[in-house]
PDB file of N, CA and C in Angstrom:
ATOM      1  N   MET A   1       1.135  -1.158   0.067  1.00  0.00           N
ATOM      2  CA  MET A   1       0.313  -0.125   0.188  1.00  0.00           C
ATOM      3  C   MET A   1       0.786   1.082  -0.021  1.00  0.00           C
ATOM      4  N   SER A   2       0.519   2.195  -0.811  1.00  0.00           N
ATOM      5  CA  SER A   2       1.306   3.187  -1.144  1.00  0.00           C
ATOM      6  C   SER A   2       0.969   4.329   0.178  1.00  0.00           C
ATOM      7  N   THR A   3       1.942   5.360   0.370  1.00  0.00           N
ATOM      8  CA  THR A   3       1.825   5.978   2.103  1.00  0.00           C
ATOM      9  C   THR A   3       0.739   6.718   1.620  1.00  0.00           C
ATOM     10  N   SER A   4       0.063   7.341   0.274  1.00  0.00           N
ATOM     11  CA  SER A   4      -0.737   7.876   0.235  1.00  0.00           C
ATOM     12  C   SER A   4      -2.104   7.210   0.300  1.00  0.00           C
ATOM     13  N   SER A   5      -1.842   5.907  -0.038  1.00  0.00           N
ATOM     14  CA  SER A   5      -3.461   5.131   0.603  1.00  0.00           C
ATOM     15  C   SER A   5      -3.311   5.198   1.882  1.00  0.00           C
ATOM     16  N   GLU A   6      -2.032   4.568   2.591  1.00  0.00           N
ATOM     17  CA  GLU A   6      -2.221   4.410   3.817  1.00  0.00           C
ATOM     18  C   GLU A   6      -2.568   5.900   4.829  1.00  0.00           C
ATOM     19  N   HIS A   7      -2.430   7.124   4.483  1.00  0.00           N
ATOM     20  CA  HIS A   7      -2.898   8.203   4.942  1.00  0.00           C
ATOM     21  C   HIS A   7      -4.201   8.032   4.643  1.00  0.00           C
ATOM     22  N   ALA A   8      -4.649   8.000   3.379  1.00  0.00           N
ATOM     23  CA  ALA A   8      -6.120   8.210   3.222  1.00  0.00           C
ATOM     24  C   ALA A   8      -7.419   6.800   4.266  1.00  0.00           C
ATOM     25  N   GLY A   9      -6.431   5.791   4.347  1.00  0.00           N
ATOM     26  CA  GLY A   9      -6.970   4.871   4.944  1.00  0.00           C
ATOM     27  C   GLY A   9      -7.139   5.456   6.441  1.00  0.00           C
ATOM     28  N   GLN A  10      -6.034   5.897   7.195  1.00  0.00           N
ATOM     29  CA  GLN A  10      -6.165   6.318   8.637  1.00  0.00           C
ATOM     30  C   GLN A  10      -6.779   7.403   8.895  1.00  0.00           C
ATOM     31  N   ALA A  11      -7.254   8.224   7.483  1.00  0.00           N
ATOM     32  CA  ALA A  11      -7.905   9.705   7.640  1.00  0.00           C
ATOM     33  C   ALA A  11      -9.285   9.015   7.971  1.00  0.00           C
ATOM     34  N   ALA A  12      -9.925   7.857   6.803  1.00  0.00           N
ATOM     35  CA  ALA A  12     -10.873   7.592   7.025  1.00  0.00           C
ATOM     36  C   ALA A  12     -11.534   6.796   8.254  1.00  0.00           C
ATOM     37  N   LEU A  13     -10.471   6.262   8.718  1.00  0.00           N
ATOM     38  CA  LEU A  13     -10.839   5.156  10.024  1.00  0.00           C
ATOM     39  C   LEU A  13     -11.065   6.507  10.816  1.00  0.00           C
ATOM     40  N   SER A  14      -9.857   7.570  10.900  1.00  0.00           N
ATOM     41  CA  SER A  14     -10.279   8.431  12.067  1.00  0.00           C
ATOM     42  C   SER A  14     -11.645   9.457  11.893  1.00  0.00           C
ATOM     43  N   ILE A  15     -12.077   9.335  10.956  1.00  0.00           N
ATOM     44  CA  ILE A  15     -13.250  10.363  10.377  1.00  0.00           C
ATOM     45  C   ILE A  15     -14.653   9.278  11.064  1.00  0.00           C
ATOM     46  N   CYS A  16     -14.812   8.151  10.518  1.00  0.00           N
ATOM     47  CA  CYS A  16     -15.655   6.992  10.829  1.00  0.00           C
ATOM     48  C   CYS A  16     -15.768   6.589  12.765  1.00  0.00           C
ATOM     49  N   GLU A  17     -14.437   6.751  13.157  1.00  0.00           N
ATOM     50  CA  GLU A  17     -14.309   6.595  14.652  1.00  0.00           C
ATOM     51  C   GLU A  17     -15.147   7.905  15.457  1.00  0.00           C
ATOM     52  N   ALA A  18     -14.781   9.417  14.757  1.00  0.00           N
ATOM     53  CA  ALA A  18     -15.295  10.412  15.536  1.00  0.00           C
ATOM     54  C   ALA A  18     -16.831  10.244  15.261  1.00  0.00           C
ATOM     55  N   LEU A  19     -17.430  10.134  14.221  1.00  0.00           N
ATOM     56  CA  LEU A  19     -18.608   9.986  13.768  1.00  0.00           C
ATOM     57  C   LEU A  19     -19.366   8.641  14.748  1.00  0.00           C
ATOM     58  N   LEU A  20     -18.747   7.618  14.821  1.00  0.00           N
ATOM     59  CA  LEU A  20     -19.354   6.581  15.718  1.00  0.00           C
ATOM     60  C   LEU A  20     -19.474   7.557  17.217  1.00  0.00           C
ATOM     61  N   LEU A  21     -18.194   7.970  17.424  1.00  0.00           N
ATOM     62  CA  LEU A  21     -18.403   8.533  18.961  1.00  0.00           C
ATOM     63  C   LEU A  21     -19.359   9.697  18.958  1.00  0.00           C
ATOM     64  N   ALA A  22     -19.724  10.276  18.009  1.00  0.00           N
ATOM     65  CA  ALA A  22     -20.842  11.449  17.893  1.00  0.00           C
ATOM     66  C   ALA A  22     -22.148  10.997  17.917  1.00  0.00           C
ATOM     67  N   MET A  23     -22.290  10.169  17.232  1.00  0.00           N
ATOM     68  CA  MET A  23     -23.796   9.262  17.454  1.00  0.00           C
ATOM     69  C   MET A  23     -23.930   8.815  18.934  1.00  0.00           C
ATOM     70  N   ASN A  24     -22.847   8.287  19.316  1.00  0.00           N
ATOM     71  CA  ASN A  24     -23.199   7.616  20.639  1.00  0.00           C
ATOM     72  C   ASN A  24     -23.394   8.732  21.764  1.00  0.00           C
ATOM     73  N   ASP A  25     -22.539   9.777  21.557  1.00  0.00           N
ATOM     74  CA  ASP A  25     -22.596  10.854  22.545  1.00  0.00           C
ATOM     75  C   ASP A  25     -23.934  11.894  22.426  1.00  0.00           C
ATOM     76  N   ARG A  26     -24.467  11.765  21.013  1.00  0.00           N
ATOM     77  CA  ARG A  26     -25.800  12.176  20.862  1.00  0.00           C
ATOM     78  C   ARG A  26     -27.031  11.454  21.432  1.00  0.00           C
ATOM     79  N   GLY A  27     -27.014   9.985  21.705  1.00  0.00           N
ATOM     80  CA  GLY A  27     -27.582   9.248  21.637  1.00  0.00           C
ATOM     81  C   GLY A  27     -28.234   8.707  20.674  1.00  0.00           C
ATOM     82  N   LEU A  28     -27.850   8.865  19.257  1.00  0.00           N
ATOM     83  CA  LEU A  28     -28.323   8.501  18.007  1.00  0.00           C
ATOM     84  C   LEU A  28     -28.183   6.840  17.930  1.00  0.00           C
ATOM     85  N   LEU A  29     -27.074   6.242  18.573  1.00  0.00           N
ATOM     86  CA  LEU A  29     -26.839   4.954  18.717  1.00  0.00           C
ATOM     87  C   LEU A  29     -26.068   4.217  19.931  1.00  0.00           C
ATOM     88  N   PRO A  30     -26.696   3.473  20.254  1.00  0.00           N
ATOM     89  CA  PRO A  30     -26.378   3.023  21.565  1.00  0.00           C
ATOM     90  C   PRO A  30     -25.031   1.854  21.532  1.00  0.00           C
ATOM     91  N   GLU A  31     -24.246   1.881  22.222  1.00  0.00           N
ATOM     92  CA  GLU A  31     -22.990   1.111  22.588  1.00  0.00           C
ATOM     93  C   GLU A  31     -23.037  -0.112  21.748  1.00  0.00           C
ATOM     94  N   HIS A  32     -24.264  -1.030  21.959  1.00  0.00           N
ATOM     95  CA  HIS A  32     -24.629  -2.471  21.235  1.00  0.00           C
ATOM     96  C   HIS A  32     -24.415  -2.321  19.738  1.00  0.00           C
ATOM     97  N   GLU A  33     -25.161  -0.947  19.381  1.00  0.00           N
ATOM     98  CA  GLU A  33     -25.494  -0.679  17.939  1.00  0.00           C
ATOM     99  C   GLU A  33     -24.020  -0.170  17.438  1.00  0.00           C
ATOM    100  N   ILE A  34     -23.277   0.328  18.020  1.00  0.00           N
ATOM    101  CA  ILE A  34     -21.992   0.796  17.325  1.00  0.00           C
ATOM    102  C   ILE A  34     -21.168  -0.431  17.430  1.00  0.00           C
ATOM    103  N   VAL A  35     -21.545  -1.521  18.058  1.00  0.00           N
ATOM    104  CA  VAL A  35     -20.451  -2.780  18.083  1.00  0.00           C
ATOM    105  C   VAL A  35     -20.972  -3.671  17.044  1.00  0.00           C
ATOM    106  N   GLY A  36     -22.737  -3.446  16.761  1.00  0.00           N
ATOM    107  CA  GLY A  36     -23.113  -4.343  15.403  1.00  0.00           C
ATOM    108  C   GLY A  36     -22.617  -3.781  14.126  1.00  0.00           C
ATOM    109  N   VAL A  37     -22.403  -2.467  14.199  1.00  0.00           N
ATOM    110  CA  VAL A  37     -21.896  -1.691  12.812  1.00  0.00           C
ATOM    111  C   VAL A  37     -20.586  -2.355  12.488  1.00  0.00           C
ATOM    112  N   LEU A  38     -19.606  -2.485  13.616  1.00  0.00           N
ATOM    113  CA  LEU A  38     -18.142  -2.765  13.577  1.00  0.00           C
ATOM    114  C   LEU A  38     -18.463  -3.932  13.390  1.00  0.00           C
ATOM    115  N   ARG A  39     -18.775  -5.306  13.878  1.00  0.00           N
ATOM    116  CA  ARG A  39     -18.847  -6.448  13.664  1.00  0.00           C
ATOM    117  C   ARG A  39     -19.439  -6.932  12.176  1.00  0.00           C
ATOM    118  N   ASP A  40     -20.457  -5.800  11.304  1.00  0.00           N
ATOM    119  CA  ASP A  40     -20.548  -5.823  10.331  1.00  0.00           C
ATOM    120  C   ASP A  40     -19.861  -5.589   9.411  1.00  0.00           C
ATOM    121  N   ALA A  41     -19.136  -4.507   9.660  1.00  0.00           N
ATOM    122  CA  ALA A  41     -17.610  -4.442   8.891  1.00  0.00           C
ATOM    123  C   ALA A  41     -16.714  -5.409   8.855  1.00  0.00           C
ATOM    124  N   ALA A  42     -16.739  -5.898   9.802  1.00  0.00           N
ATOM    125  CA  ALA A  42     -15.661  -7.051   9.944  1.00  0.00           C
ATOM    126  C   ALA A  42     -16.070  -8.236   9.160  1.00  0.00           C
ATOM    127  N   ALA A  43     -17.460  -8.383   9.085  1.00  0.00           N
ATOM    128  CA  ALA A  43     -17.768 -10.050   8.575  1.00  0.00           C
ATOM    129  C   ALA A  43     -17.344 -10.369   7.129  1.00  0.00           C
ATOM    130  N   PRO A  44     -17.296  -9.325   6.089  1.00  0.00           N
ATOM    131  CA  PRO A  44     -17.127  -9.626   4.906  1.00  0.00           C
ATOM    132  C   PRO A  44     -15.474  -9.874   4.564  1.00  0.00           C
ATOM    133  N   HIS A  45     -14.810  -9.184   5.622  1.00  0.00           N
ATOM    134  CA  HIS A  45     -13.502  -9.575   5.580  1.00  0.00           C
ATOM    135  C   HIS A  45     -12.996 -11.182   6.042  1.00  0.00           C
ATOM    136  N   GLU A  46     -13.559 -11.293   7.196  1.00  0.00           N
ATOM    137  CA  GLU A  46     -13.693 -12.298   7.940  1.00  0.00           C
ATOM    138  C   GLU A  46     -14.043 -13.656   7.131  1.00  0.00           C
ATOM    139  N   ASN A  47     -14.878 -13.388   6.490  1.00  0.00           N
ATOM    140  CA  ASN A  47     -15.624 -14.641   5.454  1.00  0.00           C
ATOM    141  C   ASN A  47     -14.947 -14.309   4.095  1.00  0.00           C
ATOM    142  N   ALA A  48     -14.164 -13.713   3.597  1.00  0.00           N
ATOM    143  CA  ALA A  48     -13.502 -13.359   2.291  1.00  0.00           C
ATOM    144  C   ALA A  48     -12.875 -14.897   1.771  1.00  0.00           C
ATOM    145  N   VAL A  49     -12.698 -14.735   0.646  1.00  0.00           N
ATOM    146  CA  VAL A  49     -12.255 -15.718  -0.011  1.00  0.00           C
ATOM    147  C   VAL A  49     -11.397 -15.304  -1.236  1.00  0.00           C
ATOM    148  N   GLY A  50     -10.371 -15.917  -1.854  1.00  0.00           N
ATOM    149  CA  GLY A  50      -9.231 -15.269  -3.028  1.00  0.00           C
ATOM    150  C   GLY A  50      -7.872 -15.688  -2.635  1.00  0.00           C
ATOM    151  N   THR A  51      -6.977 -15.161  -3.252  1.00  0.00           N
ATOM    152  CA  THR A  51      -5.501 -15.639  -3.309  1.00  0.00           C
ATOM    153  C   THR A  51      -5.298 -15.689  -1.543  1.00  0.00           C
ATOM    154  N   GLU A  52      -3.871 -15.982  -1.654  1.00  0.00           N
ATOM    155  CA  GLU A  52      -3.368 -16.168  -0.189  1.00  0.00           C
ATOM    156  C   GLU A  52      -3.186 -14.302   0.138  1.00  0.00           C
ATOM    157  N   LEU A  53      -2.496 -13.687  -0.800  1.00  0.00           N
ATOM    158  CA  LEU A  53      -2.525 -12.244  -0.980  1.00  0.00           C
ATOM    159  C   LEU A  53      -3.900 -11.567  -0.250  1.00  0.00           C
ATOM    160  N   ASP A  54      -4.852 -11.626  -1.033  1.00  0.00           N
ATOM    161  CA  ASP A  54      -6.300 -11.197  -0.770  1.00  0.00           C
ATOM    162  C   ASP A  54      -6.423 -11.366   0.694  1.00  0.00           C
ATOM    163  N   MET A  55      -6.498 -12.857   0.835  1.00  0.00           N
ATOM    164  CA  MET A  55      -6.581 -13.202   2.380  1.00  0.00           C
ATOM    165  C   MET A  55      -5.977 -12.700   3.423  1.00  0.00           C
ATOM    166  N   GLU A  56      -4.493 -12.237   3.174  1.00  0.00           N
ATOM    167  CA  GLU A  56      -3.736 -11.777   4.185  1.00  0.00           C
ATOM    168  C   GLU A  56      -4.485 -10.365   4.507  1.00  0.00           C
ATOM    169  N   LYS A  57      -4.701  -9.822   3.229  1.00  0.00           N
ATOM    170  CA  LYS A  57      -5.236  -8.161   3.392  1.00  0.00           C
ATOM    171  C   LYS A  57      -6.432  -8.061   4.330  1.00  0.00           C
ATOM    172  N   HIS A  58      -7.422  -9.315   3.938  1.00  0.00           N
ATOM    173  CA  HIS A  58      -8.654  -9.283   4.552  1.00  0.00           C
ATOM    174  C   HIS A  58      -8.776  -9.327   6.087  1.00  0.00           C
ATOM    175  N   ARG A  59      -7.574 -10.202   6.348  1.00  0.00           N
ATOM    176  CA  ARG A  59      -7.488 -10.783   7.633  1.00  0.00           C
ATOM    177  C   ARG A  59      -7.090  -9.356   8.638  1.00  0.00           C
ATOM    178  N   ALA A  60      -6.297  -9.006   8.034  1.00  0.00           N
ATOM    179  CA  ALA A  60      -5.594  -7.505   8.426  1.00  0.00           C
ATOM    180  C   ALA A  60      -6.869  -6.561   8.656  1.00  0.00           C
ATOM    181  N   VAL A  61      -7.769  -6.568   7.553  1.00  0.00           N
ATOM    182  CA  VAL A  61      -8.672  -5.490   7.827  1.00  0.00           C
ATOM    183  C   VAL A  61      -9.635  -6.217   9.111  1.00  0.00           C
ATOM    184  N   ALA A  62      -9.985  -7.194   9.179  1.00  0.00           N
ATOM    185  CA  ALA A  62     -10.797  -7.689   9.933  1.00  0.00           C
ATOM    186  C   ALA A  62      -9.907  -7.765  11.389  1.00  0.00           C
ATOM    187  N   ASP A  63      -8.736  -8.075  11.557  1.00  0.00           N
ATOM    188  CA  ASP A  63      -7.984  -7.732  12.877  1.00  0.00           C
ATOM    189  C   ASP A  63      -8.138  -6.467  13.150  1.00  0.00           C
ATOM    190  N   LEU A  64      -8.055  -5.328  12.732  1.00  0.00           N
ATOM    191  CA  LEU A  64      -8.065  -4.180  13.127  1.00  0.00           C
ATOM    192  C   LEU A  64      -9.558  -3.757  13.493  1.00  0.00           C
ATOM    193  N   ILE A  65     -10.554  -4.224  12.687  1.00  0.00           N
ATOM    194  CA  ILE A  65     -11.559  -3.791  13.267  1.00  0.00           C
ATOM    195  C   ILE A  65     -12.031  -4.468  14.570  1.00  0.00           C
ATOM    196  N   ASN A  66     -11.620  -5.795  14.844  1.00  0.00           N
ATOM    197  CA  ASN A  66     -11.963  -6.588  16.052  1.00  0.00           C
ATOM    198  C   ASN A  66     -11.049  -6.067  17.032  1.00  0.00           C
ATOM    199  N   ALA A  67      -9.874  -5.338  16.780  1.00  0.00           N
ATOM    200  CA  ALA A  67      -9.096  -4.724  18.061  1.00  0.00           C
ATOM    201  C   ALA A  67     -10.128  -3.458  18.434  1.00  0.00           C
ATOM    202  N   ILE A  68     -10.435  -2.954  17.399  1.00  0.00           N
ATOM    203  CA  ILE A  68     -11.420  -1.576  17.834  1.00  0.00           C
ATOM    204  C   ILE A  68     -12.454  -2.238  18.658  1.00  0.00           C
ATOM    205  N   ILE A  69     -13.163  -2.917  18.331  1.00  0.00           N
ATOM    206  CA  ILE A  69     -14.101  -3.191  19.315  1.00  0.00           C
ATOM    207  C   ILE A  69     -13.498  -3.777  20.449  1.00  0.00           C
ATOM    208  N   ALA A  70     -12.781  -4.799  20.686  1.00  0.00           N
ATOM    209  CA  ALA A  70     -11.991  -4.941  21.641  1.00  0.00           C
ATOM    210  C   ALA A  70     -11.465  -3.868  22.386  1.00  0.00           C
ATOM    211  N   GLY A  71     -10.744  -2.891  21.903  1.00  0.00           N
ATOM    212  CA  GLY A  71     -10.611  -1.629  22.732  1.00  0.00           C
ATOM    213  C   GLY A  71     -11.352  -0.791  23.130  1.00  0.00           C
ATOM    214  N   GLY A  72     -12.514  -0.999  22.350  1.00  0.00           N
ATOM    215  CA  GLY A  72     -13.619   0.378  23.005  1.00  0.00           C
ATOM    216  C   GLY A  72     -13.371   1.484  22.313  1.00  0.00           C
ATOM    217  N   ASN A  73     -12.897   1.456  21.428  1.00  0.00           N
ATOM    218  CA  ASN A  73     -11.703   2.917  20.693  1.00  0.00           C
ATOM    219  C   ASN A  73     -13.312   3.507  20.119  1.00  0.00           C
ATOM    220  N   SER A  74     -14.619   3.076  19.931  1.00  0.00           N
ATOM    221  CA  SER A  74     -15.699   3.865  19.192  1.00  0.00           C
ATOM    222  C   SER A  74     -17.104   4.478  19.924  1.00  0.00           C
ATOM    223  N   VAL A  75     -16.510   3.874  21.381  1.00  0.00           N
ATOM    224  CA  VAL A  75     -17.651   4.252  22.371  1.00  0.00           C
ATOM    225  C   VAL A  75     -16.811   4.773  23.696  1.00  0.00           C
ATOM    226  N   ARG A  76     -17.381   5.916  24.257  1.00  0.00           N
ATOM    227  CA  ARG A  76     -16.815   6.145  25.149  1.00  0.00           C
ATOM    228  C   ARG A  76     -17.079   5.744  26.591  1.00  0.00           C
ATOM    229  N   ARG A  77     -16.416   5.291  27.199  1.00  0.00           N
ATOM    230  CA  ARG A  77     -16.883   4.396  28.465  1.00  0.00           C
ATOM    231  C   ARG A  77     -16.400   4.977  29.669  1.00  0.00           C
ATOM    232  N   PRO A  78     -17.033   4.982  30.716  1.00  0.00           N
ATOM    233  CA  PRO A  78     -16.879   5.700  31.986  1.00  0.00           C
ATOM    234  C   PRO A  78     -15.584   4.926  32.458  1.00  0.00           C
TER     235      PRO A  78
END
Protein backbone atom coordinates (compact mmCIF):
# COMPACT_ATOMS: atom_id res chain seq x y z
CA MET A 1 0.00 0.00 0.00
CA SER A 2 1.38 3.40 -0.91
CA THR A 3 1.93 6.09 1.67
CA SER A 4 -0.88 8.12 0.11
CA SER A 5 -3.26 5.17 0.43
CA GLU A 6 -2.15 4.56 4.02
CA HIS A 7 -2.86 8.18 4.90
CA ALA A 8 -6.26 8.01 3.22
CA GLY A 9 -7.08 4.84 5.17
CA GLN A 10 -6.01 6.38 8.47
CA ALA A 11 -8.02 9.52 7.75
CA ALA A 12 -11.10 7.46 6.87
CA LEU A 13 -10.74 5.41 10.06
CA SER A 14 -10.39 8.55 12.17
CA ILE A 15 -13.44 10.16 10.55
CA CYS A 16 -15.55 7.03 11.05
CA GLU A 17 -14.44 6.71 14.66
CA ALA A 18 -15.34 10.35 15.30
CA LEU A 19 -18.77 9.83 13.70
CA LEU A 20 -19.44 6.75 15.84
CA LEU A 21 -18.41 8.63 18.98
CA ALA A 22 -20.63 11.59 18.05
CA MET A 23 -23.60 9.30 17.37
CA ASN A 24 -23.13 7.63 20.74
CA ASP A 25 -22.65 10.97 22.54
CA ARG A 26 -25.86 12.33 20.99
CA GLY A 27 -27.82 9.19 21.84
CA LEU A 28 -28.38 8.32 18.18
CA LEU A 29 -26.78 4.89 18.49
CA PRO A 30 -26.29 2.96 21.71
CA GLU A 31 -23.04 1.10 22.34
CA HIS A 32 -24.43 -2.28 21.28
CA GLU A 33 -25.51 -0.84 17.91
CA ILE A 34 -22.08 0.67 17.33
CA VAL A 35 -20.46 -2.67 18.12
CA GLY A 36 -22.93 -4.26 15.71
CA VAL A 37 -21.90 -1.85 12.96
CA LEU A 38 -18.26 -2.73 13.55
CA ARG A 39 -19.01 -6.47 13.56
CA ASP A 40 -20.94 -6.06 10.31
CA ALA A 41 -17.92 -4.27 8.84
CA ALA A 42 -15.55 -7.06 9.91
CA ALA A 43 -17.72 -9.97 8.73
CA PRO A 44 -17.10 -9.73 4.97
CA HIS A 45 -13.37 -9.62 5.60
CA GLU A 46 -13.52 -12.59 7.96
CA ASN A 47 -15.45 -14.59 5.36
CA ALA A 48 -13.57 -13.46 2.25
CA VAL A 49 -12.05 -15.90 -0.20
CA GLY A 50 -9.33 -15.38 -2.75
CA THR A 51 -5.61 -15.62 -3.21
CA GLU A 52 -3.31 -15.86 -0.22
CA LEU A 53 -2.39 -12.19 -0.69
CA ASP A 54 -6.08 -11.21 -0.79
CA MET A 55 -6.77 -13.29 2.30
CA GLU A 56 -3.86 -11.69 4.15
CA LYS A 57 -5.25 -8.22 3.43
CA HIS A 58 -8.77 -9.22 4.51
CA ARG A 59 -7.46 -10.82 7.72
CA ALA A 60 -5.54 -7.64 8.53
CA VAL A 61 -8.67 -5.51 8.05
CA ALA A 62 -10.80 -7.87 10.16
CA ASP A 63 -8.12 -7.95 12.87
CA LEU A 64 -8.02 -4.15 12.98
CA ILE A 65 -11.80 -3.84 13.26
CA ASN A 66 -11.92 -6.52 15.96
CA ALA A 67 -9.16 -4.71 17.87
CA ILE A 68 -11.27 -1.54 17.76
CA ILE A 69 -14.21 -3.50 19.17
CA ALA A 70 -12.06 -5.06 21.90
CA GLY A 71 -10.45 -1.75 22.79
CA GLY A 72 -13.70 0.18 22.93
CA ASN A 73 -12.17 2.94 20.80
CA SER A 74 -15.45 3.92 19.14
CA VAL A 75 -17.53 4.20 22.31
CA ARG A 76 -16.77 6.46 25.24
CA ARG A 77 -16.84 4.30 28.34
CA PRO A 78 -16.83 5.66 31.89
